[in-house]
PDB file of N, CA and C in Angstrom:
ATOM      1  N   MET A   1       0.840  -1.168   0.000  1.00  0.00           N
ATOM      2  CA  MET A   1       0.000   0.000   0.000  1.00  0.00           C
ATOM      3  C   MET A   1       0.893   1.242   0.000  1.00  0.00           C
ATOM      4  N   LYS A   2       0.470   2.282  -0.706  1.00  0.00           N
ATOM      5  CA  LYS A   2       1.236   3.509  -0.853  1.00  0.00           C
ATOM      6  C   LYS A   2       0.987   4.434   0.341  1.00  0.00           C
ATOM      7  N   GLN A   3       2.062   5.038   0.846  1.00  0.00           N
ATOM      8  CA  GLN A   3       1.936   6.005   1.932  1.00  0.00           C
ATOM      9  C   GLN A   3       1.689   7.388   1.330  1.00  0.00           C
ATOM     10  N   SER A   4       0.718   8.105   1.863  1.00  0.00           N
ATOM     11  CA  SER A   4       0.402   9.440   1.355  1.00  0.00           C
ATOM     12  C   SER A   4       1.483  10.434   1.771  1.00  0.00           C
ATOM     13  N   ARG A   5       1.524  11.551   1.068  1.00  0.00           N
ATOM     14  CA  ARG A   5       2.479  12.602   1.410  1.00  0.00           C
ATOM     15  C   ARG A   5       2.222  13.135   2.821  1.00  0.00           C
ATOM     16  N   GLY A   6       0.953  13.289   3.160  1.00  0.00           N
ATOM     17  CA  GLY A   6       0.607  13.779   4.497  1.00  0.00           C
ATOM     18  C   GLY A   6       1.086  12.847   5.599  1.00  0.00           C
ATOM     19  N   MET A   7       0.884  11.540   5.400  1.00  0.00           N
ATOM     20  CA  MET A   7       1.343  10.581   6.402  1.00  0.00           C
ATOM     21  C   MET A   7       2.862  10.514   6.444  1.00  0.00           C
ATOM     22  N   SER A   8       3.513  10.739   5.310  1.00  0.00           N
ATOM     23  CA  SER A   8       4.982  10.815   5.311  1.00  0.00           C
ATOM     24  C   SER A   8       5.440  11.957   6.201  1.00  0.00           C
ATOM     25  N   LEU A   9       4.755  13.090   6.107  1.00  0.00           N
ATOM     26  CA  LEU A   9       5.110  14.247   6.928  1.00  0.00           C
ATOM     27  C   LEU A   9       4.844  13.972   8.402  1.00  0.00           C
ATOM     28  N   VAL A  10       3.719  13.334   8.711  1.00  0.00           N
ATOM     29  CA  VAL A  10       3.396  13.001  10.105  1.00  0.00           C
ATOM     30  C   VAL A  10       4.453  12.059  10.682  1.00  0.00           C
ATOM     31  N   GLU A  11       4.829  11.049   9.923  1.00  0.00           N
ATOM     32  CA  GLU A  11       5.843  10.102  10.387  1.00  0.00           C
ATOM     33  C   GLU A  11       7.174  10.805  10.630  1.00  0.00           C
ATOM     34  N   ALA A  12       7.581  11.636   9.680  1.00  0.00           N
ATOM     35  CA  ALA A  12       8.845  12.363   9.813  1.00  0.00           C
ATOM     36  C   ALA A  12       8.808  13.289  11.026  1.00  0.00           C
ATOM     37  N   ALA A  13       7.690  13.984  11.223  1.00  0.00           N
ATOM     38  CA  ALA A  13       7.569  14.917  12.347  1.00  0.00           C
ATOM     39  C   ALA A  13       7.615  14.178  13.688  1.00  0.00           C
ATOM     40  N   ALA A  14       6.958  13.031  13.788  1.00  0.00           N
ATOM     41  CA  ALA A  14       6.986  12.247  15.029  1.00  0.00           C
ATOM     42  C   ALA A  14       8.404  11.772  15.331  1.00  0.00           C
ATOM     43  N   ASN A  15       9.094  11.311  14.313  1.00  0.00           N
ATOM     44  CA  ASN A  15      10.467  10.853  14.469  1.00  0.00           C
ATOM     45  C   ASN A  15      11.356  11.998  14.950  1.00  0.00           C
ATOM     46  N   VAL A  16      11.187  13.160  14.355  1.00  0.00           N
ATOM     47  CA  VAL A  16      12.034  14.296  14.688  1.00  0.00           C
ATOM     48  C   VAL A  16      11.671  14.880  16.054  1.00  0.00           C
ATOM     49  N   ALA A  17      10.403  14.813  16.448  1.00  0.00           N
ATOM     50  CA  ALA A  17      10.006  15.317  17.766  1.00  0.00           C
ATOM     51  C   ALA A  17      10.754  14.568  18.871  1.00  0.00           C
ATOM     52  N   VAL A  18      10.855  13.271  18.725  1.00  0.00           N
ATOM     53  CA  VAL A  18      11.627  12.479  19.688  1.00  0.00           C
ATOM     54  C   VAL A  18      13.102  12.866  19.591  1.00  0.00           C
ATOM     55  N   GLY A  19      13.587  13.018  18.374  1.00  0.00           N
ATOM     56  CA  GLY A  19      14.976  13.425  18.163  1.00  0.00           C
ATOM     57  C   GLY A  19      15.283  14.776  18.768  1.00  0.00           C
ATOM     58  N   TYR A  20      14.316  15.692  18.747  1.00  0.00           N
ATOM     59  CA  TYR A  20      14.501  17.023  19.328  1.00  0.00           C
ATOM     60  C   TYR A  20      14.839  16.916  20.813  1.00  0.00           C
ATOM     61  N   GLY A  21      14.066  16.142  21.515  1.00  0.00           N
ATOM     62  CA  GLY A  21      14.329  15.954  22.949  1.00  0.00           C
ATOM     63  C   GLY A  21      15.688  15.333  23.206  1.00  0.00           C
ATOM     64  N   VAL A  22      16.025  14.328  22.415  1.00  0.00           N
ATOM     65  CA  VAL A  22      17.328  13.677  22.556  1.00  0.00           C
ATOM     66  C   VAL A  22      18.449  14.673  22.252  1.00  0.00           C
ATOM     67  N   ALA A  23      18.263  15.490  21.210  1.00  0.00           N
ATOM     68  CA  ALA A  23      19.290  16.460  20.823  1.00  0.00           C
ATOM     69  C   ALA A  23      19.526  17.493  21.915  1.00  0.00           C
ATOM     70  N   VAL A  24      18.448  18.028  22.482  1.00  0.00           N
ATOM     71  CA  VAL A  24      18.597  19.056  23.517  1.00  0.00           C
ATOM     72  C   VAL A  24      19.311  18.479  24.738  1.00  0.00           C
ATOM     73  N   VAL A  25      18.897  17.311  25.159  1.00  0.00           N
ATOM     74  CA  VAL A  25      19.545  16.682  26.318  1.00  0.00           C
ATOM     75  C   VAL A  25      21.025  16.397  26.001  1.00  0.00           C
ATOM     76  N   THR A  26      21.292  15.912  24.806  1.00  0.00           N
ATOM     77  CA  THR A  26      22.678  15.628  24.401  1.00  0.00           C
ATOM     78  C   THR A  26      23.514  16.904  24.403  1.00  0.00           C
ATOM     79  N   GLN A  27      22.955  18.001  23.861  1.00  0.00           N
ATOM     80  CA  GLN A  27      23.665  19.279  23.849  1.00  0.00           C
ATOM     81  C   GLN A  27      23.998  19.709  25.274  1.00  0.00           C
ATOM     82  N   ILE A  28      23.035  19.608  26.167  1.00  0.00           N
ATOM     83  CA  ILE A  28      23.237  20.020  27.560  1.00  0.00           C
ATOM     84  C   ILE A  28      24.366  19.213  28.206  1.00  0.00           C
ATOM     85  N   LEU A  29      24.426  17.930  27.882  1.00  0.00           N
ATOM     86  CA  LEU A  29      25.441  17.062  28.487  1.00  0.00           C
ATOM     87  C   LEU A  29      26.801  17.161  27.807  1.00  0.00           C
ATOM     88  N   ILE A  30      26.822  17.316  26.494  1.00  0.00           N
ATOM     89  CA  ILE A  30      28.075  17.225  25.733  1.00  0.00           C
ATOM     90  C   ILE A  30      28.763  18.569  25.519  1.00  0.00           C
ATOM     91  N   PHE A  31      28.011  19.634  25.306  1.00  0.00           N
ATOM     92  CA  PHE A  31      28.638  20.935  25.034  1.00  0.00           C
ATOM     93  C   PHE A  31      29.679  21.321  26.084  1.00  0.00           C
ATOM     94  N   PRO A  32      29.393  21.180  27.386  1.00  0.00           N
ATOM     95  CA  PRO A  32      30.400  21.556  28.377  1.00  0.00           C
ATOM     96  C   PRO A  32      31.702  20.757  28.265  1.00  0.00           C
ATOM     97  N   VAL A  33      31.610  19.523  27.792  1.00  0.00           N
ATOM     98  CA  VAL A  33      32.806  18.702  27.610  1.00  0.00           C
ATOM     99  C   VAL A  33      33.756  19.369  26.605  1.00  0.00           C
ATOM    100  N   PHE A  34      33.190  20.092  25.633  1.00  0.00           N
ATOM    101  CA  PHE A  34      33.981  20.770  24.614  1.00  0.00           C
ATOM    102  C   PHE A  34      34.168  22.252  24.930  1.00  0.00           C
ATOM    103  N   GLY A  35      33.859  22.660  26.149  1.00  0.00           N
ATOM    104  CA  GLY A  35      34.057  24.033  26.562  1.00  0.00           C
ATOM    105  C   GLY A  35      32.994  24.995  26.064  1.00  0.00           C
ATOM    106  N   LEU A  36      31.869  24.471  25.601  1.00  0.00           N
ATOM    107  CA  LEU A  36      30.773  25.317  25.133  1.00  0.00           C
ATOM    108  C   LEU A  36      29.729  25.422  26.242  1.00  0.00           C
ATOM    109  N   HIS A  37      29.431  26.641  26.622  1.00  0.00           N
ATOM    110  CA  HIS A  37      28.478  26.849  27.705  1.00  0.00           C
ATOM    111  C   HIS A  37      27.303  27.659  27.165  1.00  0.00           C
ATOM    112  N   THR A  38      26.150  27.030  27.128  1.00  0.00           N
ATOM    113  CA  THR A  38      24.947  27.655  26.579  1.00  0.00           C
ATOM    114  C   THR A  38      23.826  27.593  27.601  1.00  0.00           C
ATOM    115  N   THR A  39      22.876  28.493  27.437  1.00  0.00           N
ATOM    116  CA  THR A  39      21.707  28.487  28.320  1.00  0.00           C
ATOM    117  C   THR A  39      20.694  27.468  27.792  1.00  0.00           C
ATOM    118  N   LEU A  40      19.720  27.163  28.619  1.00  0.00           N
ATOM    119  CA  LEU A  40      18.658  26.259  28.182  1.00  0.00           C
ATOM    120  C   LEU A  40      17.930  26.861  26.979  1.00  0.00           C
ATOM    121  N   ALA A  41      17.673  28.157  27.024  1.00  0.00           N
ATOM    122  CA  ALA A  41      16.986  28.815  25.902  1.00  0.00           C
ATOM    123  C   ALA A  41      17.787  28.674  24.609  1.00  0.00           C
ATOM    124  N   GLN A  42      19.107  28.831  24.675  1.00  0.00           N
ATOM    125  CA  GLN A  42      19.945  28.669  23.487  1.00  0.00           C
ATOM    126  C   GLN A  42      19.892  27.233  22.975  1.00  0.00           C
ATOM    127  N   ASN A  43      19.931  26.272  23.892  1.00  0.00           N
ATOM    128  CA  ASN A  43      19.843  24.866  23.491  1.00  0.00           C
ATOM    129  C   ASN A  43      18.506  24.569  22.823  1.00  0.00           C
ATOM    130  N   LEU A  44      17.429  25.117  23.364  1.00  0.00           N
ATOM    131  CA  LEU A  44      16.109  24.891  22.772  1.00  0.00           C
ATOM    132  C   LEU A  44      16.016  25.519  21.384  1.00  0.00           C
ATOM    133  N   LYS A  45      16.579  26.714  21.221  1.00  0.00           N
ATOM    134  CA  LYS A  45      16.555  27.375  19.908  1.00  0.00           C
ATOM    135  C   LYS A  45      17.392  26.606  18.894  1.00  0.00           C
ATOM    136  N   MET A  46      18.590  26.175  19.278  1.00  0.00           N
ATOM    137  CA  MET A  46      19.424  25.384  18.359  1.00  0.00           C
ATOM    138  C   MET A  46      18.720  24.083  17.993  1.00  0.00           C
ATOM    139  N   GLY A  47      18.118  23.458  18.983  1.00  0.00           N
ATOM    140  CA  GLY A  47      17.374  22.228  18.721  1.00  0.00           C
ATOM    141  C   GLY A  47      16.234  22.459  17.751  1.00  0.00           C
ATOM    142  N   ALA A  48      15.565  23.606  17.861  1.00  0.00           N
ATOM    143  CA  ALA A  48      14.456  23.919  16.955  1.00  0.00           C
ATOM    144  C   ALA A  48      14.937  24.074  15.520  1.00  0.00           C
ATOM    145  N   VAL A  49      16.064  24.743  15.331  1.00  0.00           N
ATOM    146  CA  VAL A  49      16.617  24.903  13.978  1.00  0.00           C
ATOM    147  C   VAL A  49      16.948  23.536  13.390  1.00  0.00           C
ATOM    148  N   PHE A  50      17.643  22.706  14.166  1.00  0.00           N
ATOM    149  CA  PHE A  50      17.988  21.371  13.677  1.00  0.00           C
ATOM    150  C   PHE A  50      16.739  20.529  13.418  1.00  0.00           C
ATOM    151  N   THR A  51      15.695  20.741  14.196  1.00  0.00           N
ATOM    152  CA  THR A  51      14.449  20.003  14.016  1.00  0.00           C
ATOM    153  C   THR A  51      13.804  20.332  12.676  1.00  0.00           C
ATOM    154  N   VAL A  52      13.727  21.611  12.347  1.00  0.00           N
ATOM    155  CA  VAL A  52      13.136  22.017  11.065  1.00  0.00           C
ATOM    156  C   VAL A  52      13.924  21.417   9.904  1.00  0.00           C
ATOM    157  N   VAL A  53      15.233  21.487   9.983  1.00  0.00           N
ATOM    158  CA  VAL A  53      16.073  20.918   8.929  1.00  0.00           C
ATOM    159  C   VAL A  53      15.869  19.404   8.845  1.00  0.00           C
ATOM    160  N   SER A  54      15.774  18.756   9.983  1.00  0.00           N
ATOM    161  CA  SER A  54      15.609  17.311  10.016  1.00  0.00           C
ATOM    162  C   SER A  54      14.254  16.869   9.462  1.00  0.00           C
ATOM    163  N   ILE A  55      13.195  17.617   9.764  1.00  0.00           N
ATOM    164  CA  ILE A  55      11.874  17.289   9.217  1.00  0.00           C
ATOM    165  C   ILE A  55      11.907  17.380   7.697  1.00  0.00           C
ATOM    166  N   ALA A  56      12.482  18.448   7.180  1.00  0.00           N
ATOM    167  CA  ALA A  56      12.568  18.618   5.725  1.00  0.00           C
ATOM    168  C   ALA A  56      13.383  17.490   5.101  1.00  0.00           C
ATOM    169  N   ARG A  57      14.506  17.151   5.711  1.00  0.00           N
ATOM    170  CA  ARG A  57      15.359  16.077   5.192  1.00  0.00           C
ATOM    171  C   ARG A  57      14.618  14.743   5.194  1.00  0.00           C
ATOM    172  N   SER A  58      13.976  14.424   6.303  1.00  0.00           N
ATOM    173  CA  SER A  58      13.257  13.150   6.402  1.00  0.00           C
ATOM    174  C   SER A  58      12.118  13.069   5.392  1.00  0.00           C
ATOM    175  N   TYR A  59      11.383  14.147   5.249  1.00  0.00           N
ATOM    176  CA  TYR A  59      10.255  14.174   4.316  1.00  0.00           C
ATOM    177  C   TYR A  59      10.744  13.997   2.880  1.00  0.00           C
ATOM    178  N   LEU A  60      11.769  14.749   2.502  1.00  0.00           N
ATOM    179  CA  LEU A  60      12.275  14.658   1.127  1.00  0.00           C
ATOM    180  C   LEU A  60      12.843  13.276   0.825  1.00  0.00           C
ATOM    181  N   LEU A  61      13.555  12.705   1.769  1.00  0.00           N
ATOM    182  CA  LEU A  61      14.079  11.346   1.551  1.00  0.00           C
ATOM    183  C   LEU A  61      12.955  10.326   1.443  1.00  0.00           C
ATOM    184  N   ARG A  62      11.926  10.473   2.272  1.00  0.00           N
ATOM    185  CA  ARG A  62      10.780   9.561   2.219  1.00  0.00           C
ATOM    186  C   ARG A  62      10.111   9.642   0.849  1.00  0.00           C
ATOM    187  N   ARG A  63       9.905  10.867   0.348  1.00  0.00           N
ATOM    188  CA  ARG A  63       9.265  11.047  -0.962  1.00  0.00           C
ATOM    189  C   ARG A  63      10.147  10.493  -2.072  1.00  0.00           C
ATOM    190  N   LEU A  64      11.463  10.674  -1.974  1.00  0.00           N
ATOM    191  CA  LEU A  64      12.387  10.128  -2.970  1.00  0.00           C
ATOM    192  C   LEU A  64      12.278   8.608  -3.020  1.00  0.00           C
ATOM    193  N   PHE A  65      12.325   7.976  -1.867  1.00  0.00           N
ATOM    194  CA  PHE A  65      12.244   6.511  -1.844  1.00  0.00           C
ATOM    195  C   PHE A  65      10.876   6.010  -2.292  1.00  0.00           C
ATOM    196  N   GLU A  66       9.831   6.768  -2.005  1.00  0.00           N
ATOM    197  CA  GLU A  66       8.498   6.387  -2.489  1.00  0.00           C
ATOM    198  C   GLU A  66       8.449   6.483  -4.012  1.00  0.00           C
ATOM    199  N   ALA A  67       9.050   7.520  -4.570  1.00  0.00           N
ATOM    200  CA  ALA A  67       9.084   7.669  -6.036  1.00  0.00           C
ATOM    201  C   ALA A  67       9.883   6.531  -6.670  1.00  0.00           C
ATOM    202  N   ILE A  68      10.980   6.157  -6.049  1.00  0.00           N
ATOM    203  CA  ILE A  68      11.791   5.040  -6.554  1.00  0.00           C
ATOM    204  C   ILE A  68      10.980   3.746  -6.503  1.00  0.00           C
ATOM    205  N   ARG A  69      10.258   3.541  -5.399  1.00  0.00           N
ATOM    206  CA  ARG A  69       9.450   2.322  -5.260  1.00  0.00           C
ATOM    207  C   ARG A  69       8.374   2.264  -6.331  1.00  0.00           C
ATOM    208  N   VAL A  70       7.682   3.375  -6.558  1.00  0.00           N
ATOM    209  CA  VAL A  70       6.611   3.416  -7.552  1.00  0.00           C
ATOM    210  C   VAL A  70       7.183   3.215  -8.955  1.00  0.00           C
ATOM    211  N   ALA A  71       8.303   3.861  -9.254  1.00  0.00           N
ATOM    212  CA  ALA A  71       8.929   3.708 -10.572  1.00  0.00           C
ATOM    213  C   ALA A  71       9.363   2.262 -10.795  1.00  0.00           C
ATOM    214  N   SER A  72       9.913   1.655  -9.762  1.00  0.00           N
ATOM    215  CA  SER A  72      10.351   0.260  -9.867  1.00  0.00           C
ATOM    216  C   SER A  72       9.160  -0.661 -10.114  1.00  0.00           C
ATOM    217  N   ARG A  73       8.067  -0.419  -9.435  1.00  0.00           N
ATOM    218  CA  ARG A  73       6.852  -1.225  -9.626  1.00  0.00           C
ATOM    219  C   ARG A  73       6.308  -1.045 -11.024  1.00  0.00           C
ATOM    220  N   ASN A  74       6.319   0.199 -11.526  1.00  0.00           N
ATOM    221  CA  ASN A  74       5.823   0.478 -12.880  1.00  0.00           C
ATOM    222  C   ASN A  74       6.706  -0.182 -13.933  1.00  0.00           C
ATOM    223  N   ASP A  75       8.020  -0.217 -13.693  1.00  0.00           N
ATOM    224  CA  ASP A  75       8.941  -0.869 -14.632  1.00  0.00           C
ATOM    225  C   ASP A  75       8.668  -2.362 -14.721  1.00  0.00           C
ATOM    226  N   ARG A  76       8.341  -2.970 -13.611  1.00  0.00           N
ATOM    227  CA  ARG A  76       8.048  -4.408 -13.606  1.00  0.00           C
ATOM    228  C   ARG A  76       6.715  -4.722 -14.260  1.00  0.00           C
ATOM    229  N   ALA A  77       5.793  -3.751 -14.221  1.00  0.00           N
ATOM    230  CA  ALA A  77       4.448  -3.971 -14.776  1.00  0.00           C
ATOM    231  C   ALA A  77       4.427  -3.867 -16.289  1.00  0.00           C
ATOM    232  N   THR A  78       5.437  -3.214 -16.860  1.00  0.00           N
ATOM    233  CA  THR A  78       5.441  -3.037 -18.319  1.00  0.00           C
ATOM    234  C   THR A  78       6.295  -4.039 -19.020  1.00  0.00           C
TER     235      THR A  78
END
């Protein structure tokens, strides 16, 4: 069954929402190890930027692989 574009976006957003939390916690724990000291607000803002980029990346890759799958199926049908 084919996944709709909307459901691709929902899946990507859910995946990235979990990743956002992991990223912020990781930044809080790891940045000081490298001498970077940021506030919680800065970590949340950086996480938000990475989240938007990650959603776009996940969505575009999902659509690319869906197009490849459909093209492959069409090639076999002809």
